[in-house]
N, C-alpha and C. Protein backbone atom coordinates (compact mmCIF):
# COMPACT_ATOMS: atom_id res chain seq x y z
N MET A 1 -60.38 107.24 118.05
CA MET A 1 -59.28 106.47 118.59
C MET A 1 -58.35 107.40 119.36
N LYS A 2 -57.94 106.96 120.50
CA LYS A 2 -56.98 107.71 121.31
C LYS A 2 -55.58 107.32 120.88
N LYS A 3 -54.75 108.31 120.58
CA LYS A 3 -53.35 108.06 120.22
C LYS A 3 -52.46 108.63 121.31
N PHE A 4 -51.53 107.81 121.79
CA PHE A 4 -50.61 108.21 122.84
C PHE A 4 -49.36 108.80 122.21
N GLN A 5 -48.80 109.84 122.85
CA GLN A 5 -47.68 110.55 122.27
C GLN A 5 -46.37 110.35 123.02
N ASN A 6 -46.36 109.53 124.04
CA ASN A 6 -45.09 109.23 124.69
C ASN A 6 -45.03 107.76 125.06
N HIS A 7 -43.89 107.32 125.48
CA HIS A 7 -43.69 105.89 125.76
C HIS A 7 -44.07 105.49 127.18
N LEU A 8 -44.40 106.43 128.03
CA LEU A 8 -44.80 106.11 129.40
C LEU A 8 -46.33 105.97 129.48
N ILE A 9 -46.80 104.75 129.36
CA ILE A 9 -48.22 104.47 129.40
C ILE A 9 -48.53 103.79 130.72
N GLY A 10 -49.52 104.30 131.41
CA GLY A 10 -49.93 103.72 132.69
C GLY A 10 -51.25 102.99 132.58
N VAL A 11 -51.37 101.90 133.32
CA VAL A 11 -52.62 101.15 133.41
C VAL A 11 -52.94 101.03 134.90
N ASP A 12 -54.05 101.60 135.32
CA ASP A 12 -54.50 101.51 136.70
C ASP A 12 -55.81 100.72 136.68
N HIS A 13 -56.12 100.02 137.76
CA HIS A 13 -57.35 99.23 137.78
C HIS A 13 -57.78 98.98 139.21
N GLY A 14 -59.02 98.57 139.35
CA GLY A 14 -59.54 98.27 140.67
C GLY A 14 -60.89 97.58 140.59
N ASP A 15 -61.40 97.22 141.74
CA ASP A 15 -62.67 96.53 141.90
C ASP A 15 -63.34 97.14 143.13
N LEU A 16 -64.53 97.66 142.99
CA LEU A 16 -65.17 98.43 144.05
C LEU A 16 -66.57 97.90 144.33
N LEU A 17 -66.83 97.51 145.59
CA LEU A 17 -68.19 97.16 145.98
C LEU A 17 -68.97 98.47 146.12
N LEU A 18 -69.93 98.69 145.23
CA LEU A 18 -70.68 99.94 145.25
C LEU A 18 -71.72 99.98 146.37
N PHE A 19 -72.43 98.89 146.53
CA PHE A 19 -73.44 98.85 147.59
C PHE A 19 -73.81 97.40 147.90
N SER A 20 -74.41 97.22 149.07
CA SER A 20 -74.94 95.94 149.50
C SER A 20 -76.25 96.24 150.22
N ASP A 21 -77.26 96.62 149.44
CA ASP A 21 -78.50 97.16 149.99
C ASP A 21 -79.44 96.14 150.63
N PHE A 22 -79.29 94.88 150.32
CA PHE A 22 -80.17 93.89 150.96
C PHE A 22 -79.86 93.76 152.44
N GLU A 23 -78.64 94.10 152.85
CA GLU A 23 -78.25 93.98 154.26
C GLU A 23 -78.85 95.07 155.13
N ASN A 24 -79.04 96.26 154.54
CA ASN A 24 -79.51 97.39 155.36
C ASN A 24 -80.80 98.01 154.85
N GLY A 25 -81.50 97.34 153.95
CA GLY A 25 -82.78 97.86 153.46
C GLY A 25 -82.63 99.08 152.58
N GLY A 26 -81.55 99.16 151.83
CA GLY A 26 -81.28 100.33 150.98
C GLY A 26 -82.21 100.45 149.79
N VAL A 27 -82.11 101.59 149.11
CA VAL A 27 -83.04 101.93 148.03
C VAL A 27 -82.94 101.02 146.82
N MET A 28 -81.78 100.47 146.53
CA MET A 28 -81.67 99.59 145.37
C MET A 28 -82.42 98.28 145.57
N TRP A 29 -82.61 97.89 146.83
CA TRP A 29 -83.31 96.65 147.14
C TRP A 29 -84.78 96.87 147.49
N ASN A 30 -85.10 97.99 148.14
CA ASN A 30 -86.46 98.19 148.66
C ASN A 30 -87.28 99.27 147.98
N SER A 31 -86.79 99.88 146.92
CA SER A 31 -87.54 100.95 146.26
C SER A 31 -87.81 100.57 144.81
N VAL A 32 -88.63 101.39 144.16
CA VAL A 32 -88.91 101.24 142.73
C VAL A 32 -88.70 102.60 142.06
N GLY A 33 -88.65 102.59 140.75
CA GLY A 33 -88.45 103.81 140.00
C GLY A 33 -86.97 104.07 139.73
N ASP A 34 -86.67 105.28 139.29
CA ASP A 34 -85.29 105.64 138.96
C ASP A 34 -84.45 105.74 140.23
N ARG A 35 -83.33 105.03 140.24
CA ARG A 35 -82.40 105.05 141.37
C ARG A 35 -80.97 105.09 140.84
N GLN A 36 -80.11 105.79 141.55
CA GLN A 36 -78.73 105.94 141.10
C GLN A 36 -77.77 106.00 142.28
N ILE A 37 -76.61 105.37 142.10
CA ILE A 37 -75.53 105.43 143.10
C ILE A 37 -74.26 105.84 142.37
N CYS A 38 -73.52 106.78 142.96
CA CYS A 38 -72.27 107.26 142.37
C CYS A 38 -71.14 107.06 143.38
N ALA A 39 -69.94 106.78 142.85
CA ALA A 39 -68.77 106.63 143.71
C ALA A 39 -67.56 107.22 142.99
N TYR A 40 -66.78 108.01 143.72
CA TYR A 40 -65.57 108.60 143.15
C TYR A 40 -64.41 107.62 143.28
N VAL A 41 -63.65 107.48 142.20
CA VAL A 41 -62.45 106.64 142.18
C VAL A 41 -61.26 107.55 141.91
N GLU A 42 -60.26 107.49 142.79
CA GLU A 42 -59.04 108.26 142.60
C GLU A 42 -57.95 107.33 142.08
N PHE A 43 -57.28 107.74 141.00
CA PHE A 43 -56.20 106.94 140.45
C PHE A 43 -55.02 106.89 141.42
N SER A 44 -54.23 105.83 141.33
CA SER A 44 -53.07 105.70 142.22
C SER A 44 -51.98 106.71 141.87
N GLU A 45 -51.95 107.16 140.61
CA GLU A 45 -51.07 108.24 140.17
C GLU A 45 -51.84 109.12 139.21
N CYS A 46 -51.45 110.36 139.11
CA CYS A 46 -52.09 111.28 138.19
C CYS A 46 -51.60 111.00 136.76
N PHE A 47 -52.51 110.92 135.82
CA PHE A 47 -52.14 110.76 134.41
C PHE A 47 -51.70 112.11 133.84
N ASN A 48 -50.99 112.08 132.72
CA ASN A 48 -50.52 113.29 132.06
C ASN A 48 -51.69 114.05 131.42
N ASN A 49 -52.66 113.32 130.90
CA ASN A 49 -53.90 113.90 130.38
C ASN A 49 -55.02 112.89 130.63
N ILE A 50 -56.20 113.19 130.20
CA ILE A 50 -57.37 112.37 130.53
C ILE A 50 -57.22 110.97 129.92
N PRO A 51 -57.27 109.93 130.76
CA PRO A 51 -57.10 108.55 130.26
C PRO A 51 -58.40 107.98 129.69
N ILE A 52 -58.27 106.84 129.08
CA ILE A 52 -59.43 106.05 128.68
C ILE A 52 -59.83 105.21 129.89
N VAL A 53 -61.11 105.21 130.24
CA VAL A 53 -61.59 104.45 131.40
C VAL A 53 -62.69 103.49 130.94
N HIS A 54 -62.56 102.26 131.40
CA HIS A 54 -63.55 101.22 131.11
C HIS A 54 -64.09 100.70 132.44
N VAL A 55 -65.41 100.59 132.54
CA VAL A 55 -66.04 100.01 133.74
C VAL A 55 -66.94 98.85 133.32
N ASN A 56 -67.05 97.86 134.21
CA ASN A 56 -67.96 96.74 133.96
C ASN A 56 -68.40 96.13 135.29
N LEU A 57 -69.51 95.44 135.25
CA LEU A 57 -70.00 94.75 136.43
C LEU A 57 -69.12 93.52 136.66
N SER A 58 -68.55 93.40 137.86
CA SER A 58 -67.77 92.22 138.18
C SER A 58 -68.56 91.29 139.11
N MET A 59 -69.65 91.79 139.69
CA MET A 59 -70.56 90.96 140.47
C MET A 59 -71.87 91.71 140.61
N TRP A 60 -72.96 91.01 140.44
CA TRP A 60 -74.26 91.60 140.75
C TRP A 60 -75.17 90.51 141.28
N ASP A 61 -75.95 90.90 142.26
CA ASP A 61 -76.89 90.01 142.94
C ASP A 61 -78.24 90.68 142.79
N ILE A 62 -79.10 90.07 141.99
CA ILE A 62 -80.36 90.72 141.62
C ILE A 62 -81.52 89.76 141.82
N ALA A 63 -82.67 90.29 142.20
CA ALA A 63 -83.86 89.47 142.42
C ALA A 63 -84.30 88.82 141.10
N SER A 64 -84.72 87.57 141.17
CA SER A 64 -85.11 86.84 139.95
C SER A 64 -86.55 87.10 139.52
N HIS A 65 -87.36 87.67 140.38
CA HIS A 65 -88.76 87.88 140.04
C HIS A 65 -89.05 89.27 139.45
N THR A 66 -88.02 90.07 139.23
CA THR A 66 -88.18 91.37 138.57
C THR A 66 -87.27 91.44 137.35
N ASN A 67 -87.52 92.41 136.49
CA ASN A 67 -86.67 92.60 135.32
C ASN A 67 -85.30 93.10 135.72
N ALA A 68 -84.28 92.66 134.99
CA ALA A 68 -82.90 93.10 135.23
C ALA A 68 -82.63 94.33 134.37
N ARG A 69 -82.59 95.50 135.01
CA ARG A 69 -82.34 96.76 134.31
C ARG A 69 -81.17 97.45 135.00
N VAL A 70 -80.04 97.56 134.31
CA VAL A 70 -78.89 98.23 134.91
C VAL A 70 -78.15 99.03 133.86
N ASP A 71 -77.51 100.08 134.33
CA ASP A 71 -76.63 100.90 133.51
C ASP A 71 -75.44 101.27 134.39
N VAL A 72 -74.23 101.00 133.91
CA VAL A 72 -73.02 101.38 134.65
C VAL A 72 -72.10 102.09 133.67
N ARG A 73 -71.53 103.22 134.14
CA ARG A 73 -70.68 104.02 133.25
C ARG A 73 -69.70 104.87 134.06
N ALA A 74 -68.69 105.38 133.36
CA ALA A 74 -67.72 106.31 133.95
C ALA A 74 -68.08 107.71 133.49
N GLU A 75 -68.10 108.65 134.43
CA GLU A 75 -68.39 110.05 134.11
C GLU A 75 -67.35 110.96 134.76
N LYS A 76 -67.27 112.18 134.26
CA LYS A 76 -66.38 113.21 134.81
C LYS A 76 -64.95 112.69 134.98
N ILE A 77 -64.44 112.09 133.93
CA ILE A 77 -63.09 111.54 133.94
C ILE A 77 -62.09 112.69 133.90
N SER A 78 -61.11 112.65 134.80
CA SER A 78 -60.06 113.66 134.84
C SER A 78 -58.71 112.96 134.92
N LYS A 79 -57.64 113.73 135.02
CA LYS A 79 -56.31 113.16 135.18
C LYS A 79 -56.15 112.43 136.51
N ASP A 80 -56.98 112.81 137.50
CA ASP A 80 -56.86 112.30 138.87
C ASP A 80 -57.82 111.16 139.21
N GLY A 81 -58.95 111.08 138.50
CA GLY A 81 -59.95 110.08 138.85
C GLY A 81 -61.20 110.22 138.02
N PHE A 82 -62.26 109.56 138.45
CA PHE A 82 -63.53 109.60 137.73
C PHE A 82 -64.65 109.16 138.68
N ILE A 83 -65.87 109.26 138.19
CA ILE A 83 -67.03 108.84 138.97
C ILE A 83 -67.68 107.64 138.29
N ILE A 84 -67.88 106.57 139.07
CA ILE A 84 -68.67 105.42 138.61
C ILE A 84 -70.13 105.76 138.88
N VAL A 85 -70.96 105.63 137.85
CA VAL A 85 -72.40 105.87 137.99
C VAL A 85 -73.11 104.55 137.69
N PHE A 86 -73.91 104.11 138.65
CA PHE A 86 -74.72 102.90 138.49
C PHE A 86 -76.17 103.30 138.66
N GLN A 87 -77.03 102.86 137.74
CA GLN A 87 -78.43 103.18 137.92
C GLN A 87 -79.33 102.05 137.44
N THR A 88 -80.54 102.08 137.98
CA THR A 88 -81.58 101.14 137.59
C THR A 88 -82.91 101.89 137.60
N TRP A 89 -83.96 101.22 137.19
CA TRP A 89 -85.28 101.85 137.10
C TRP A 89 -86.35 100.77 137.15
N GLY A 90 -87.60 101.22 137.18
CA GLY A 90 -88.72 100.29 137.23
C GLY A 90 -88.76 99.52 138.54
N ASP A 91 -89.14 98.24 138.45
CA ASP A 91 -89.29 97.42 139.66
C ASP A 91 -88.05 96.58 139.97
N THR A 92 -86.96 96.82 139.30
CA THR A 92 -85.73 96.04 139.49
C THR A 92 -85.27 96.11 140.94
N MET A 93 -84.95 94.95 141.50
CA MET A 93 -84.46 94.86 142.88
C MET A 93 -83.02 94.35 142.84
N ILE A 94 -82.07 95.18 143.26
CA ILE A 94 -80.67 94.80 143.23
C ILE A 94 -80.14 94.75 144.66
N ALA A 95 -79.64 93.58 145.04
CA ALA A 95 -79.13 93.38 146.40
C ALA A 95 -77.75 93.99 146.57
N ARG A 96 -76.86 93.73 145.61
CA ARG A 96 -75.50 94.28 145.71
C ARG A 96 -74.83 94.27 144.34
N VAL A 97 -73.84 95.15 144.21
CA VAL A 97 -73.12 95.32 142.95
C VAL A 97 -71.66 95.63 143.24
N ARG A 98 -70.78 94.99 142.47
CA ARG A 98 -69.36 95.32 142.48
C ARG A 98 -68.98 95.69 141.04
N VAL A 99 -68.17 96.74 140.90
CA VAL A 99 -67.77 97.24 139.59
C VAL A 99 -66.25 97.18 139.46
N ALA A 100 -65.78 96.61 138.36
CA ALA A 100 -64.35 96.62 138.04
C ALA A 100 -64.10 97.78 137.08
N TRP A 101 -62.91 98.36 137.18
CA TRP A 101 -62.57 99.48 136.30
C TRP A 101 -61.11 99.38 135.88
N GLN A 102 -60.82 100.01 134.73
CA GLN A 102 -59.45 100.07 134.23
C GLN A 102 -59.27 101.40 133.51
N ALA A 103 -58.14 102.06 133.79
CA ALA A 103 -57.79 103.32 133.15
C ALA A 103 -56.45 103.15 132.44
N ILE A 104 -56.38 103.64 131.21
CA ILE A 104 -55.15 103.54 130.41
C ILE A 104 -54.86 104.93 129.84
N GLY A 105 -53.63 105.40 130.06
CA GLY A 105 -53.28 106.72 129.54
C GLY A 105 -51.81 107.03 129.70
N GLU A 106 -51.44 108.19 129.19
CA GLU A 106 -50.05 108.65 129.27
C GLU A 106 -49.72 109.09 130.68
N LEU A 107 -48.51 108.76 131.10
CA LEU A 107 -47.97 109.23 132.38
C LEU A 107 -47.00 110.38 132.11
N PRO A 108 -46.82 111.27 133.07
CA PRO A 108 -45.84 112.34 132.88
C PRO A 108 -44.43 111.76 132.74
N GLN A 109 -43.65 112.32 131.83
CA GLN A 109 -42.27 111.89 131.68
C GLN A 109 -41.42 112.63 132.71
N THR A 110 -40.38 112.01 133.18
CA THR A 110 -39.57 112.59 134.25
C THR A 110 -38.86 113.87 133.80
N ASP A 111 -38.62 114.03 132.50
CA ASP A 111 -37.91 115.23 132.03
C ASP A 111 -38.88 116.33 131.58
N GLU A 112 -40.20 116.16 131.80
CA GLU A 112 -41.16 117.20 131.46
C GLU A 112 -41.16 118.27 132.54
N TRP A 113 -41.30 119.51 132.13
CA TRP A 113 -41.43 120.60 133.09
C TRP A 113 -42.15 121.76 132.42
N GLU A 114 -42.75 122.60 133.24
CA GLU A 114 -43.47 123.77 132.75
C GLU A 114 -42.81 125.04 133.23
N LEU A 115 -42.90 126.08 132.42
CA LEU A 115 -42.37 127.38 132.81
C LEU A 115 -43.39 128.14 133.61
């Protein structure tokens, strides 16, 4: 469990279209096997320390004649941002994906300073 130590808690969030591969013949739509797409998300403000980040699919358009195999996660979380990692495998055909994210953490207090 993450415990916050100050009263300034920030919540940042967003929704990001990761890809739309059916429009341009991209690898998520026209290939098979292990495939991965990564996107960097920068927070609107820097957190005081590493926040908790949650990601989820907010839209996906996938072929009905193949198995639905997806994994979405946040990696390399820092005070400034993180990387959304989306991957699939096998014969899964994904036309497009949008990912929603939310970060919750401590914000710097105005009276904090370093020597």
